[in-house]
């Protein structure tokens, strides 16, 4: 290992044990994450539930699961459940955009102020 590689490794390890000062850029990143996280979390969870609901409807139509459960008309029930899941998947993106838009409006002033301060420095 040459001297430059050794110095790099020493500095890398050292930074793990030194306390980092909180800068305006860190605050800007935190605010950006604070804006996006609720919308992303909702979209992932709601979309996953919609996919499971749609898959459940498809399972009722395509398998003998309805006989085990005791459903008389699995085709109609499966189509209705599948369409409900599909509707959830369709409305997921507009709801996500709405949540994100509201949060952006809420934090826009603070984010713009910090970014203006960073760009002027």
PDB file of N, CA and C in Angstrom:
ATOM      1  N   UNK A   1       0.862  -1.164   0.000  1.00  0.00           N
ATOM      2  CA  UNK A   1       0.000   0.000   0.000  1.00  0.00           C
ATOM      3  C   UNK A   1       0.911   1.230   0.000  1.00  0.00           C
ATOM      4  N   UNK A   2       0.657   2.124  -0.943  1.00  0.00           N
ATOM      5  CA  UNK A   2       1.512   3.308  -0.998  1.00  0.00           C
ATOM      6  C   UNK A   2       1.050   4.360   0.006  1.00  0.00           C
ATOM      7  N   UNK A   3       1.813   5.396   0.135  1.00  0.00           N
ATOM      8  CA  UNK A   3       1.573   6.435   1.147  1.00  0.00           C
ATOM      9  C   UNK A   3       0.232   7.152   0.922  1.00  0.00           C
ATOM     10  N   UNK A   4      -0.127   7.453  -0.341  1.00  0.00           N
ATOM     11  CA  UNK A   4      -1.392   8.143  -0.630  1.00  0.00           C
ATOM     12  C   UNK A   4      -2.599   7.289  -0.250  1.00  0.00           C
ATOM     13  N   UNK A   5      -2.538   6.001  -0.571  1.00  0.00           N
ATOM     14  CA  UNK A   5      -3.631   5.102  -0.203  1.00  0.00           C
ATOM     15  C   UNK A   5      -3.768   4.997   1.308  1.00  0.00           C
ATOM     16  N   UNK A   6      -2.649   4.946   1.986  1.00  0.00           N
ATOM     17  CA  UNK A   6      -2.664   4.850   3.437  1.00  0.00           C
ATOM     18  C   UNK A   6      -3.262   6.115   4.046  1.00  0.00           C
ATOM     19  N   UNK A   7      -2.869   7.291   3.542  1.00  0.00           N
ATOM     20  CA  UNK A   7      -3.431   8.551   4.044  1.00  0.00           C
ATOM     21  C   UNK A   7      -4.933   8.630   3.796  1.00  0.00           C
ATOM     22  N   UNK A   8      -5.361   8.185   2.629  1.00  0.00           N
ATOM     23  CA  UNK A   8      -6.791   8.191   2.323  1.00  0.00           C
ATOM     24  C   UNK A   8      -7.556   7.306   3.291  1.00  0.00           C
ATOM     25  N   UNK A   9      -7.050   6.121   3.544  1.00  0.00           N
ATOM     26  CA  UNK A   9      -7.702   5.196   4.457  1.00  0.00           C
ATOM     27  C   UNK A   9      -7.750   5.758   5.875  1.00  0.00           C
ATOM     28  N   UNK A  10      -6.672   6.378   6.310  1.00  0.00           N
ATOM     29  CA  UNK A  10      -6.627   6.986   7.638  1.00  0.00           C
ATOM     30  C   UNK A  10      -7.677   8.088   7.744  1.00  0.00           C
ATOM     31  N   UNK A  11      -7.772   8.937   6.721  1.00  0.00           N
ATOM     32  CA  UNK A  11      -8.748  10.032   6.742  1.00  0.00           C
ATOM     33  C   UNK A  11     -10.188   9.501   6.721  1.00  0.00           C
ATOM     34  N   UNK A  12     -10.403   8.456   5.958  1.00  0.00           N
ATOM     35  CA  UNK A  12     -11.731   7.858   5.883  1.00  0.00           C
ATOM     36  C   UNK A  12     -12.167   7.323   7.244  1.00  0.00           C
ATOM     37  N   UNK A  13     -11.276   6.620   7.918  1.00  0.00           N
ATOM     38  CA  UNK A  13     -11.593   6.093   9.244  1.00  0.00           C
ATOM     39  C   UNK A  13     -11.755   7.225  10.251  1.00  0.00           C
ATOM     40  N   UNK A  14     -10.919   8.218  10.139  1.00  0.00           N
ATOM     41  CA  UNK A  14     -10.967   9.341  11.072  1.00  0.00           C
ATOM     42  C   UNK A  14     -12.292  10.096  10.989  1.00  0.00           C
ATOM     43  N   UNK A  15     -12.824  10.269   9.785  1.00  0.00           N
ATOM     44  CA  UNK A  15     -14.077  11.016   9.635  1.00  0.00           C
ATOM     45  C   UNK A  15     -15.250  10.302  10.294  1.00  0.00           C
ATOM     46  N   UNK A  16     -15.142   8.991  10.464  1.00  0.00           N
ATOM     47  CA  UNK A  16     -16.207   8.253  11.132  1.00  0.00           C
ATOM     48  C   UNK A  16     -16.272   8.571  12.620  1.00  0.00           C
ATOM     49  N   UNK A  17     -15.177   9.052  13.177  1.00  0.00           N
ATOM     50  CA  UNK A  17     -15.112   9.284  14.621  1.00  0.00           C
ATOM     51  C   UNK A  17     -15.107  10.770  14.988  1.00  0.00           C
ATOM     52  N   UNK A  18     -15.117  11.630  14.010  1.00  0.00           N
ATOM     53  CA  UNK A  18     -15.184  13.058  14.303  1.00  0.00           C
ATOM     54  C   UNK A  18     -16.609  13.532  14.127  1.00  0.00           C
ATOM     55  N   UNK A  19     -16.975  14.500  14.895  1.00  0.00           N
ATOM     56  CA  UNK A  19     -18.324  15.022  14.817  1.00  0.00           C
ATOM     57  C   UNK A  19     -18.441  15.986  13.655  1.00  0.00           C
ATOM     58  N   UNK A  20     -19.477  15.797  12.892  1.00  0.00           N
ATOM     59  CA  UNK A  20     -19.696  16.605  11.708  1.00  0.00           C
ATOM     60  C   UNK A  20     -20.555  17.814  12.089  1.00  0.00           C
ATOM     61  N   UNK A  21     -20.170  18.974  11.599  1.00  0.00           N
ATOM     62  CA  UNK A  21     -20.980  20.159  11.890  1.00  0.00           C
ATOM     63  C   UNK A  21     -22.178  20.209  10.954  1.00  0.00           C
ATOM     64  N   UNK A  22     -23.272  20.691  11.477  1.00  0.00           N
ATOM     65  CA  UNK A  22     -24.529  20.766  10.738  1.00  0.00           C
ATOM     66  C   UNK A  22     -24.516  22.024   9.863  1.00  0.00           C
ATOM     67  N   UNK A  23     -24.608  21.847   8.550  1.00  0.00           N
ATOM     68  CA  UNK A  23     -24.551  22.980   7.633  1.00  0.00           C
ATOM     69  C   UNK A  23     -25.928  23.261   7.051  1.00  0.00           C
ATOM     70  N   UNK A  24     -26.013  24.356   6.318  1.00  0.00           N
ATOM     71  CA  UNK A  24     -27.270  24.721   5.670  1.00  0.00           C
ATOM     72  C   UNK A  24     -27.644  23.701   4.596  1.00  0.00           C
ATOM     73  N   UNK A  25     -26.644  23.111   3.951  1.00  0.00           N
ATOM     74  CA  UNK A  25     -26.916  22.086   2.950  1.00  0.00           C
ATOM     75  C   UNK A  25     -27.542  20.851   3.597  1.00  0.00           C
ATOM     76  N   UNK A  26     -27.069  20.490   4.774  1.00  0.00           N
ATOM     77  CA  UNK A  26     -27.661  19.368   5.500  1.00  0.00           C
ATOM     78  C   UNK A  26     -29.120  19.665   5.843  1.00  0.00           C
ATOM     79  N   UNK A  27     -29.384  20.889   6.264  1.00  0.00           N
ATOM     80  CA  UNK A  27     -30.762  21.274   6.587  1.00  0.00           C
ATOM     81  C   UNK A  27     -31.643  21.231   5.346  1.00  0.00           C
ATOM     82  N   UNK A  28     -31.105  21.659   4.210  1.00  0.00           N
ATOM     83  CA  UNK A  28     -31.855  21.623   2.961  1.00  0.00           C
ATOM     84  C   UNK A  28     -32.184  20.182   2.567  1.00  0.00           C
ATOM     85  N   UNK A  29     -31.229  19.292   2.714  1.00  0.00           N
ATOM     86  CA  UNK A  29     -31.467  17.877   2.403  1.00  0.00           C
ATOM     87  C   UNK A  29     -32.518  17.276   3.334  1.00  0.00           C
ATOM     88  N   UNK A  30     -32.452  17.626   4.619  1.00  0.00           N
ATOM     89  CA  UNK A  30     -33.426  17.119   5.584  1.00  0.00           C
ATOM     90  C   UNK A  30     -34.832  17.605   5.262  1.00  0.00           C
ATOM     91  N   UNK A  31     -34.956  18.878   4.895  1.00  0.00           N
ATOM     92  CA  UNK A  31     -36.269  19.405   4.535  1.00  0.00           C
ATOM     93  C   UNK A  31     -36.814  18.733   3.280  1.00  0.00           C
ATOM     94  N   UNK A  32     -35.953  18.506   2.308  1.00  0.00           N
ATOM     95  CA  UNK A  32     -36.373  17.836   1.075  1.00  0.00           C
ATOM     96  C   UNK A  32     -36.880  16.429   1.384  1.00  0.00           C
ATOM     97  N   UNK A  33     -36.164  15.726   2.250  1.00  0.00           N
ATOM     98  CA  UNK A  33     -36.600  14.390   2.659  1.00  0.00           C
ATOM     99  C   UNK A  33     -37.909  14.464   3.430  1.00  0.00           C
ATOM    100  N   UNK A  34     -38.045  15.472   4.271  1.00  0.00           N
ATOM    101  CA  UNK A  34     -39.263  15.658   5.061  1.00  0.00           C
ATOM    102  C   UNK A  34     -40.469  15.912   4.163  1.00  0.00           C
ATOM    103  N   UNK A  35     -40.255  16.565   3.041  1.00  0.00           N
ATOM    104  CA  UNK A  35     -41.330  16.830   2.088  1.00  0.00           C
ATOM    105  C   UNK A  35     -41.731  15.545   1.372  1.00  0.00           C
ATOM    106  N   UNK A  36     -40.761  14.766   0.925  1.00  0.00           N
ATOM    107  CA  UNK A  36     -41.033  13.623   0.055  1.00  0.00           C
ATOM    108  C   UNK A  36     -41.404  12.331   0.776  1.00  0.00           C
ATOM    109  N   UNK A  37     -40.916  12.138   1.987  1.00  0.00           N
ATOM    110  CA  UNK A  37     -41.104  10.853   2.668  1.00  0.00           C
ATOM    111  C   UNK A  37     -42.573  10.455   2.873  1.00  0.00           C
ATOM    112  N   UNK A  38     -43.457  11.324   3.378  1.00  0.00           N
ATOM    113  CA  UNK A  38     -44.849  10.889   3.569  1.00  0.00           C
ATOM    114  C   UNK A  38     -45.539  10.482   2.272  1.00  0.00           C
ATOM    115  N   UNK A  39     -45.284  11.228   1.196  1.00  0.00           N
ATOM    116  CA  UNK A  39     -45.904  10.897  -0.084  1.00  0.00           C
ATOM    117  C   UNK A  39     -45.388   9.556  -0.597  1.00  0.00           C
ATOM    118  N   UNK A  40     -44.082   9.336  -0.498  1.00  0.00           N
ATOM    119  CA  UNK A  40     -43.504   8.064  -0.947  1.00  0.00           C
ATOM    120  C   UNK A  40     -44.016   6.897  -0.112  1.00  0.00           C
ATOM    121  N   UNK A  41     -44.067   7.079   1.193  1.00  0.00           N
ATOM    122  CA  UNK A  41     -44.538   6.026   2.079  1.00  0.00           C
ATOM    123  C   UNK A  41     -45.982   5.658   1.756  1.00  0.00           C
ATOM    124  N   UNK A  42     -46.824   6.672   1.574  1.00  0.00           N
ATOM    125  CA  UNK A  42     -48.218   6.400   1.211  1.00  0.00           C
ATOM    126  C   UNK A  42     -48.292   5.634  -0.107  1.00  0.00           C
ATOM    127  N   UNK A  43     -47.555   6.100  -1.120  1.00  0.00           N
ATOM    128  CA  UNK A  43     -47.637   5.477  -2.438  1.00  0.00           C
ATOM    129  C   UNK A  43     -47.195   4.018  -2.392  1.00  0.00           C
ATOM    130  N   UNK A  44     -46.122   3.722  -1.677  1.00  0.00           N
ATOM    131  CA  UNK A  44     -45.642   2.344  -1.591  1.00  0.00           C
ATOM    132  C   UNK A  44     -46.663   1.440  -0.886  1.00  0.00           C
ATOM    133  N   UNK A  45     -47.174   1.898   0.230  1.00  0.00           N
ATOM    134  CA  UNK A  45     -48.101   1.069   1.001  1.00  0.00           C
ATOM    135  C   UNK A  45     -49.431   0.907   0.273  1.00  0.00           C
ATOM    136  N   UNK A  46     -50.011   2.008  -0.190  1.00  0.00           N
ATOM    137  CA  UNK A  46     -51.309   1.955  -0.863  1.00  0.00           C
ATOM    138  C   UNK A  46     -51.198   1.163  -2.169  1.00  0.00           C
ATOM    139  N   UNK A  47     -50.119   1.349  -2.913  1.00  0.00           N
ATOM    140  CA  UNK A  47     -49.924   0.608  -4.152  1.00  0.00           C
ATOM    141  C   UNK A  47     -49.770  -0.882  -3.907  1.00  0.00           C
ATOM    142  N   UNK A  48     -49.065  -1.235  -2.858  1.00  0.00           N
ATOM    143  CA  UNK A  48     -48.890  -2.655  -2.522  1.00  0.00           C
ATOM    144  C   UNK A  48     -50.214  -3.291  -2.121  1.00  0.00           C
ATOM    145  N   UNK A  49     -50.990  -2.569  -1.334  1.00  0.00           N
ATOM    146  CA  UNK A  49     -52.306  -3.089  -0.939  1.00  0.00           C
ATOM    147  C   UNK A  49     -53.197  -3.250  -2.173  1.00  0.00           C
ATOM    148  N   UNK A  50     -53.164  -2.272  -3.067  1.00  0.00           N
ATOM    149  CA  UNK A  50     -53.947  -2.364  -4.303  1.00  0.00           C
ATOM    150  C   UNK A  50     -53.542  -3.568  -5.142  1.00  0.00           C
ATOM    151  N   UNK A  51     -52.241  -3.838  -5.229  1.00  0.00           N
ATOM    152  CA  UNK A  51     -51.761  -4.983  -6.001  1.00  0.00           C
ATOM    153  C   UNK A  51     -52.219  -6.301  -5.361  1.00  0.00           C
ATOM    154  N   UNK A  52     -52.203  -6.363  -4.037  1.00  0.00           N
ATOM    155  CA  UNK A  52     -52.649  -7.578  -3.347  1.00  0.00           C
ATOM    156  C   UNK A  52     -54.151  -7.781  -3.548  1.00  0.00           C
ATOM    157  N   UNK A  53     -54.920  -6.701  -3.468  1.00  0.00           N
ATOM    158  CA  UNK A  53     -56.368  -6.805  -3.673  1.00  0.00           C
ATOM    159  C   UNK A  53     -56.659  -7.266  -5.103  1.00  0.00           C
ATOM    160  N   UNK A  54     -55.988  -6.673  -6.071  1.00  0.00           N
ATOM    161  CA  UNK A  54     -56.198  -7.069  -7.467  1.00  0.00           C
ATOM    162  C   UNK A  54     -55.794  -8.535  -7.670  1.00  0.00           C
ATOM    163  N   UNK A  55     -54.697  -8.936  -7.080  1.00  0.00           N
ATOM    164  CA  UNK A  55     -54.269 -10.329  -7.185  1.00  0.00           C
ATOM    165  C   UNK A  55     -55.238 -11.295  -6.528  1.00  0.00           C
ATOM    166  N   UNK A  56     -55.856 -10.859  -5.448  1.00  0.00           N
ATOM    167  CA  UNK A  56     -56.855 -11.705  -4.783  1.00  0.00           C
ATOM    168  C   UNK A  56     -58.053 -11.934  -5.692  1.00  0.00           C
ATOM    169  N   UNK A  57     -58.477 -10.883  -6.355  1.00  0.00           N
ATOM    170  CA  UNK A  57     -59.585 -11.024  -7.305  1.00  0.00           C
ATOM    171  C   UNK A  57     -59.230 -11.951  -8.449  1.00  0.00           C
ATOM    172  N   UNK A  58     -58.012 -11.816  -8.951  1.00  0.00           N
ATOM    173  CA  UNK A  58     -57.574 -12.704 -10.037  1.00  0.00           C
ATOM    174  C   UNK A  58     -57.501 -14.151  -9.557  1.00  0.00           C
ATOM    175  N   UNK A  59     -57.096 -14.362  -8.324  1.00  0.00           N
ATOM    176  CA  UNK A  59     -57.011 -15.712  -7.773  1.00  0.00           C
ATOM    177  C   UNK A  59     -58.387 -16.357  -7.662  1.00  0.00           C
ATOM    178  N   UNK A  60     -59.373 -15.559  -7.300  1.00  0.00           N
ATOM    179  CA  UNK A  60     -60.725 -16.103  -7.214  1.00  0.00           C
ATOM    180  C   UNK A  60     -61.220 -16.561  -8.578  1.00  0.00           C
ATOM    181  N   UNK A  61     -60.877 -15.813  -9.613  1.00  0.00           N
ATOM    182  CA  UNK A  61     -61.341 -16.149 -10.952  1.00  0.00           C
ATOM    183  C   UNK A  61     -60.589 -17.350 -11.517  1.00  0.00           C
ATOM    184  N   UNK A  62     -59.292 -17.417 -11.282  1.00  0.00           N
ATOM    185  CA  UNK A  62     -58.447 -18.375 -11.993  1.00  0.00           C
ATOM    186  C   UNK A  62     -58.178 -19.685 -11.239  1.00  0.00           C
ATOM    187  N   UNK A  63     -58.501 -19.756  -9.976  1.00  0.00           N
ATOM    188  CA  UNK A  63     -58.192 -20.969  -9.210  1.00  0.00           C
ATOM    189  C   UNK A  63     -59.458 -21.534  -8.576  1.00  0.00           C
ATOM    190  N   UNK A  64     -59.269 -22.612  -7.831  1.00  0.00           N
ATOM    191  CA  UNK A  64     -60.386 -23.239  -7.116  1.00  0.00           C
ATOM    192  C   UNK A  64     -60.511 -22.709  -5.696  1.00  0.00           C
ATOM    193  N   UNK A  65     -59.918 -21.569  -5.431  1.00  0.00           N
ATOM    194  CA  UNK A  65     -59.950 -20.973  -4.096  1.00  0.00           C
ATOM    195  C   UNK A  65     -61.380 -20.657  -3.664  1.00  0.00           C
ATOM    196  N   UNK A  66     -62.219 -20.257  -4.619  1.00  0.00           N
ATOM    197  CA  UNK A  66     -63.603 -19.908  -4.292  1.00  0.00           C
ATOM    198  C   UNK A  66     -64.357 -21.109  -3.744  1.00  0.00           C
ATOM    199  N   UNK A  67     -64.075 -22.298  -4.258  1.00  0.00           N
ATOM    200  CA  UNK A  67     -64.730 -23.506  -3.744  1.00  0.00           C
ATOM    201  C   UNK A  67     -64.349 -23.760  -2.295  1.00  0.00           C
ATOM    202  N   UNK A  68     -63.075 -23.519  -1.954  1.00  0.00           N
ATOM    203  CA  UNK A  68     -62.626 -23.726  -0.573  1.00  0.00           C
ATOM    204  C   UNK A  68     -63.269 -22.723   0.375  1.00  0.00           C
ATOM    205  N   UNK A  69     -63.440 -21.492  -0.109  1.00  0.00           N
ATOM    206  CA  UNK A  69     -64.021 -20.440   0.730  1.00  0.00           C
ATOM    207  C   UNK A  69     -65.540 -20.570   0.788  1.00  0.00           C
ATOM    208  N   UNK A  70     -66.132 -21.080  -0.272  1.00  0.00           N
ATOM    209  CA  UNK A  70     -67.577 -21.250  -0.310  1.00  0.00           C
ATOM    210  C   UNK A  70     -68.283 -20.138  -1.058  1.00  0.00           C
ATOM    211  N   UNK A  71     -67.629 -19.550  -2.041  1.00  0.00           N
ATOM    212  CA  UNK A  71     -68.238 -18.489  -2.846  1.00  0.00           C
ATOM    213  C   UNK A  71     -68.935 -19.151  -4.031  1.00  0.00           C
ATOM    214  N   UNK A  72     -70.229 -18.815  -4.216  1.00  0.00           N
ATOM    215  CA  UNK A  72     -71.024 -19.448  -5.269  1.00  0.00           C
ATOM    216  C   UNK A  72     -70.638 -18.972  -6.668  1.00  0.00           C
ATOM    217  N   UNK A  73     -70.458 -17.655  -6.843  1.00  0.00           N
ATOM    218  CA  UNK A  73     -70.159 -17.104  -8.160  1.00  0.00           C
ATOM    219  C   UNK A  73     -68.776 -16.450  -8.133  1.00  0.00           C
ATOM    220  N   UNK A  74     -67.709 -17.238  -8.295  1.00  0.00           N
ATOM    221  CA  UNK A  74     -66.360 -16.688  -8.153  1.00  0.00           C
ATOM    222  C   UNK A  74     -65.973 -15.723  -9.272  1.00  0.00           C
ATOM    223  N   UNK A  75     -66.584 -15.875 -10.446  1.00  0.00           N
ATOM    224  CA  UNK A  75     -66.235 -15.006 -11.566  1.00  0.00           C
ATOM    225  C   UNK A  75     -66.645 -13.562 -11.258  1.00  0.00           C
ATOM    226  N   UNK A  76     -67.879 -13.362 -10.856  1.00  0.00           N
ATOM    227  CA  UNK A  76     -68.363 -12.015 -10.564  1.00  0.00           C
ATOM    228  C   UNK A  76     -67.622 -11.409  -9.374  1.00  0.00           C
ATOM    229  N   UNK A  77     -67.495 -12.198  -8.296  1.00  0.00           N
ATOM    230  CA  UNK A  77     -66.821 -11.707  -7.090  1.00  0.00           C
ATOM    231  C   UNK A  77     -65.355 -11.386  -7.373  1.00  0.00           C
ATOM    232  N   UNK A  78     -64.687 -12.244  -8.123  1.00  0.00           N
ATOM    233  CA  UNK A  78     -63.282 -12.023  -8.455  1.00  0.00           C
ATOM    234  C   UNK A  78     -63.087 -10.792  -9.322  1.00  0.00           C
ATOM    235  N   UNK A  79     -63.988 -10.580 -10.280  1.00  0.00           N
ATOM    236  CA  UNK A  79     -63.898  -9.396 -11.140  1.00  0.00           C
ATOM    237  C   UNK A  79     -64.113  -8.128 -10.326  1.00  0.00           C
ATOM    238  N   UNK A  80     -65.077  -8.138  -9.431  1.00  0.00           N
ATOM    239  CA  UNK A  80     -65.348  -6.957  -8.592  1.00  0.00           C
ATOM    240  C   UNK A  80     -64.138  -6.653  -7.693  1.00  0.00           C
ATOM    241  N   UNK A  81     -63.590  -7.665  -7.063  1.00  0.00           N
ATOM    242  CA  UNK A  81     -62.423  -7.465  -6.198  1.00  0.00           C
ATOM    243  C   UNK A  81     -61.217  -7.021  -7.020  1.00  0.00           C
ATOM    244  N   UNK A  82     -61.019  -7.635  -8.182  1.00  0.00           N
ATOM    245  CA  UNK A  82     -59.913  -7.243  -9.054  1.00  0.00           C
ATOM    246  C   UNK A  82     -60.044  -5.806  -9.534  1.00  0.00           C
ATOM    247  N   UNK A  83     -61.249  -5.405  -9.892  1.00  0.00           N
ATOM    248  CA  UNK A  83     -61.470  -4.020 -10.322  1.00  0.00           C
ATOM    249  C   UNK A  83     -61.240  -3.032  -9.180  1.00  0.00           C
ATOM    250  N   UNK A  84     -61.593  -3.419  -7.955  1.00  0.00           N
ATOM    251  CA  UNK A  84     -61.337  -2.550  -6.800  1.00  0.00           C
ATOM    252  C   UNK A  84     -59.836  -2.356  -6.614  1.00  0.00           C
ATOM    253  N   UNK A  85     -59.071  -3.437  -6.749  1.00  0.00           N
ATOM    254  CA  UNK A  85     -57.615  -3.334  -6.652  1.00  0.00           C
ATOM    255  C   UNK A  85     -57.029  -2.512  -7.784  1.00  0.00           C
ATOM    256  N   UNK A  86     -57.573  -2.672  -8.975  1.00  0.00           N
ATOM    257  CA  UNK A  86     -57.099  -1.900 -10.125  1.00  0.00           C
ATOM    258  C   UNK A  86     -57.409  -0.415  -9.936  1.00  0.00           C
ATOM    259  N   UNK A  87     -58.568  -0.114  -9.393  1.00  0.00           N
ATOM    260  CA  UNK A  87     -58.932   1.274  -9.108  1.00  0.00           C
ATOM    261  C   UNK A  87     -57.973   1.879  -8.084  1.00  0.00           C
ATOM    262  N   UNK A  88     -57.604   1.097  -7.085  1.00  0.00           N
ATOM    263  CA  UNK A  88     -56.632   1.576  -6.099  1.00  0.00           C
ATOM    264  C   UNK A  88     -55.297   1.898  -6.766  1.00  0.00           C
ATOM    265  N   UNK A  89     -54.870   1.042  -7.684  1.00  0.00           N
ATOM    266  CA  UNK A  89     -53.612   1.274  -8.385  1.00  0.00           C
ATOM    267  C   UNK A  89     -53.693   2.507  -9.285  1.00  0.00           C
ATOM    268  N   UNK A  90     -54.843   2.730  -9.877  1.00  0.00           N
ATOM    269  CA  UNK A  90     -55.014   3.878 -10.777  1.00  0.00           C
ATOM    270  C   UNK A  90     -55.003   5.190 -10.013  1.00  0.00           C
ATOM    271  N   UNK A  91     -55.669   5.247  -8.863  1.00  0.00           N
ATOM    272  CA  UNK A  91     -55.749   6.508  -8.113  1.00  0.00           C
ATOM    273  C   UNK A  91     -54.509   6.749  -7.247  1.00  0.00           C
ATOM    274  N   UNK A  92     -53.636   5.766  -7.148  1.00  0.00           N
ATOM    275  CA  UNK A  92     -52.455   5.902  -6.307  1.00  0.00           C
ATOM    276  C   UNK A  92     -51.587   7.082  -6.731  1.00  0.00           C
ATOM    277  N   UNK A  93     -51.285   7.198  -8.020  1.00  0.00           N
ATOM    278  CA  UNK A  93     -50.400   8.271  -8.486  1.00  0.00           C
ATOM    279  C   UNK A  93     -51.014   9.663  -8.292  1.00  0.00           C
ATOM    280  N   UNK A  94     -52.275   9.890  -8.647  1.00  0.00           N
ATOM    281  CA  UNK A  94     -52.837  11.221  -8.373  1.00  0.00           C
ATOM    282  C   UNK A  94     -52.850  11.591  -6.890  1.00  0.00           C
ATOM    283  N   UNK A  95     -53.118  10.620  -6.035  1.00  0.00           N
ATOM    284  CA  UNK A  95     -53.090  10.901  -4.591  1.00  0.00           C
ATOM    285  C   UNK A  95     -51.670  11.229  -4.151  1.00  0.00           C
ATOM    286  N   UNK A  96     -50.691  10.476  -4.653  1.00  0.00           N
ATOM    287  CA  UNK A  96     -49.280  10.741  -4.356  1.00  0.00           C
ATOM    288  C   UNK A  96     -48.905  12.164  -4.767  1.00  0.00           C
ATOM    289  N   UNK A  97     -49.266  12.555  -5.983  1.00  0.00           N
ATOM    290  CA  UNK A  97     -48.951  13.898  -6.473  1.00  0.00           C
ATOM    291  C   UNK A  97     -49.630  14.967  -5.625  1.00  0.00           C
ATOM    292  N   UNK A  98     -50.835  14.713  -5.181  1.00  0.00           N
ATOM    293  CA  UNK A  98     -51.561  15.665  -4.336  1.00  0.00           C
ATOM    294  C   UNK A  98     -50.864  15.842  -2.988  1.00  0.00           C
ATOM    295  N   UNK A  99     -50.478  14.742  -2.362  1.00  0.00           N
ATOM    296  CA  UNK A  99     -49.776  14.819  -1.072  1.00  0.00           C
ATOM    297  C   UNK A  99     -48.458  15.561  -1.242  1.00  0.00           C
ATOM    298  N   UNK A 100     -47.713  15.222  -2.289  1.00  0.00           N
ATOM    299  CA  UNK A 100     -46.421  15.855  -2.543  1.00  0.00           C
ATOM    300  C   UNK A 100     -46.586  17.346  -2.810  1.00  0.00           C
ATOM    301  N   UNK A 101     -47.592  17.713  -3.569  1.00  0.00           N
ATOM    302  CA  UNK A 101     -47.847  19.121  -3.881  1.00  0.00           C
ATOM    303  C   UNK A 101     -48.174  19.923  -2.620  1.00  0.00           C
ATOM    304  N   UNK A 102     -49.004  19.374  -1.756  1.00  0.00           N
ATOM    305  CA  UNK A 102     -49.357  20.061  -0.503  1.00  0.00           C
ATOM    306  C   UNK A 102     -48.134  20.246   0.389  1.00  0.00           C
ATOM    307  N   UNK A 103     -47.309  19.225   0.461  1.00  0.00           N
ATOM    308  CA  UNK A 103     -46.115  19.321   1.307  1.00  0.00           C
ATOM    309  C   UNK A 103     -45.101  20.286   0.715  1.00  0.00           C
ATOM    310  N   UNK A 104     -44.992  20.316  -0.603  1.00  0.00           N
ATOM    311  CA  UNK A 104     -44.082  21.280  -1.231  1.00  0.00           C
ATOM    312  C   UNK A 104     -44.523  22.706  -0.951  1.00  0.00           C
ATOM    313  N   UNK A 105     -45.829  22.956  -1.041  1.00  0.00           N
ATOM    314  CA  UNK A 105     -46.323  24.304  -0.733  1.00  0.00           C
ATOM    315  C   UNK A 105     -46.055  24.676   0.719  1.00  0.00           C
ATOM    316  N   UNK A 106     -46.185  23.693   1.606  1.00  0.00           N
ATOM    317  CA  UNK A 106     -45.986  23.947   3.035  1.00  0.00           C
ATOM    318  C   UNK A 106     -44.542  24.334   3.348  1.00  0.00           C
ATOM    319  N   UNK A 107     -43.571  23.682   2.706  1.00  0.00           N
ATOM    320  CA  UNK A 107     -42.162  23.903   3.019  1.00  0.00           C
ATOM    321  C   UNK A 107     -41.421  24.758   1.997  1.00  0.00           C
ATOM    322  N   UNK A 108     -42.107  25.242   0.991  1.00  0.00           N
ATOM    323  CA  UNK A 108     -41.443  25.960  -0.106  1.00  0.00           C
ATOM    324  C   UNK A 108     -40.676  27.186   0.377  1.00  0.00           C
ATOM    325  N   UNK A 109     -41.274  27.980   1.251  1.00  0.00           N
ATOM    326  CA  UNK A 109     -40.614  29.215   1.706  1.00  0.00           C
ATOM    327  C   UNK A 109     -39.287  28.918   2.399  1.00  0.00           C
ATOM    328  N   UNK A 110     -39.291  27.945   3.292  1.00  0.00           N
ATOM    329  CA  UNK A 110     -38.058  27.610   4.014  1.00  0.00           C
ATOM    330  C   UNK A 110     -36.990  27.043   3.082  1.00  0.00           C
ATOM    331  N   UNK A 111     -37.405  26.182   2.156  1.00  0.00           N
ATOM    332  CA  UNK A 111     -36.446  25.572   1.237  1.00  0.00           C
ATOM    333  C   UNK A 111     -35.852  26.615   0.306  1.00  0.00           C
ATOM    334  N   UNK A 112     -36.681  27.509  -0.199  1.00  0.00           N
ATOM    335  CA  UNK A 112     -36.186  28.554  -1.102  1.00  0.00           C
ATOM    336  C   UNK A 112     -35.264  29.508  -0.359  1.00  0.00           C
ATOM    337  N   UNK A 113     -35.596  29.835   0.876  1.00  0.00           N
ATOM    338  CA  UNK A 113     -34.737  30.730   1.660  1.00  0.00           C
ATOM    339  C   UNK A 113     -33.360  30.104   1.892  1.00  0.00           C
ATOM    340  N   UNK A 114     -33.337  28.847   2.241  1.00  0.00           N
ATOM    341  CA  UNK A 114     -32.055  28.174   2.484  1.00  0.00           C
ATOM    342  C   UNK A 114     -31.266  28.035   1.186  1.00  0.00           C
ATOM    343  N   UNK A 115     -31.953  27.674   0.103  1.00  0.00           N
ATOM    344  CA  UNK A 115     -31.241  27.513  -1.169  1.00  0.00           C
ATOM    345  C   UNK A 115     -30.718  28.845  -1.698  1.00  0.00           C
ATOM    346  N   UNK A 116     -31.466  29.938  -1.492  1.00  0.00           N
ATOM    347  CA  UNK A 116     -30.977  31.262  -1.874  1.00  0.00           C
ATOM    348  C   UNK A 116     -29.732  31.619  -1.076  1.00  0.00           C
ATOM    349  N   UNK A 117     -29.764  31.321   0.216  1.00  0.00           N
ATOM    350  CA  UNK A 117     -28.613  31.590   1.067  1.00  0.00           C
ATOM    351  C   UNK A 117     -27.392  30.802   0.610  1.00  0.00           C
ATOM    352  N   UNK A 118     -27.586  29.548   0.220  1.00  0.00           N
ATOM    353  CA  UNK A 118     -26.477  28.715  -0.232  1.00  0.00           C
ATOM    354  C   UNK A 118     -25.930  29.171  -1.575  1.00  0.00           C
ATOM    355  N   UNK A 119     -26.793  29.592  -2.476  1.00  0.00           N
ATOM    356  CA  UNK A 119     -26.316  30.007  -3.799  1.00  0.00           C
ATOM    357  C   UNK A 119     -25.625  31.372  -3.770  1.00  0.00           C
ATOM    358  N   UNK A 120     -25.993  32.221  -2.813  1.00  0.00           N
ATOM    359  CA  UNK A 120     -25.367  33.542  -2.704  1.00  0.00           C
ATOM    360  C   UNK A 120     -23.995  33.475  -2.038  1.00  0.00           C
ATOM    361  N   UNK A 121     -23.776  32.432  -1.227  1.00  0.00           N
ATOM    362  CA  UNK A 121     -22.494  32.293  -0.530  1.00  0.00           C
ATOM    363  C   UNK A 121     -21.402  31.804  -1.429  1.00  0.00           C
TER     364      UNK A 121
END
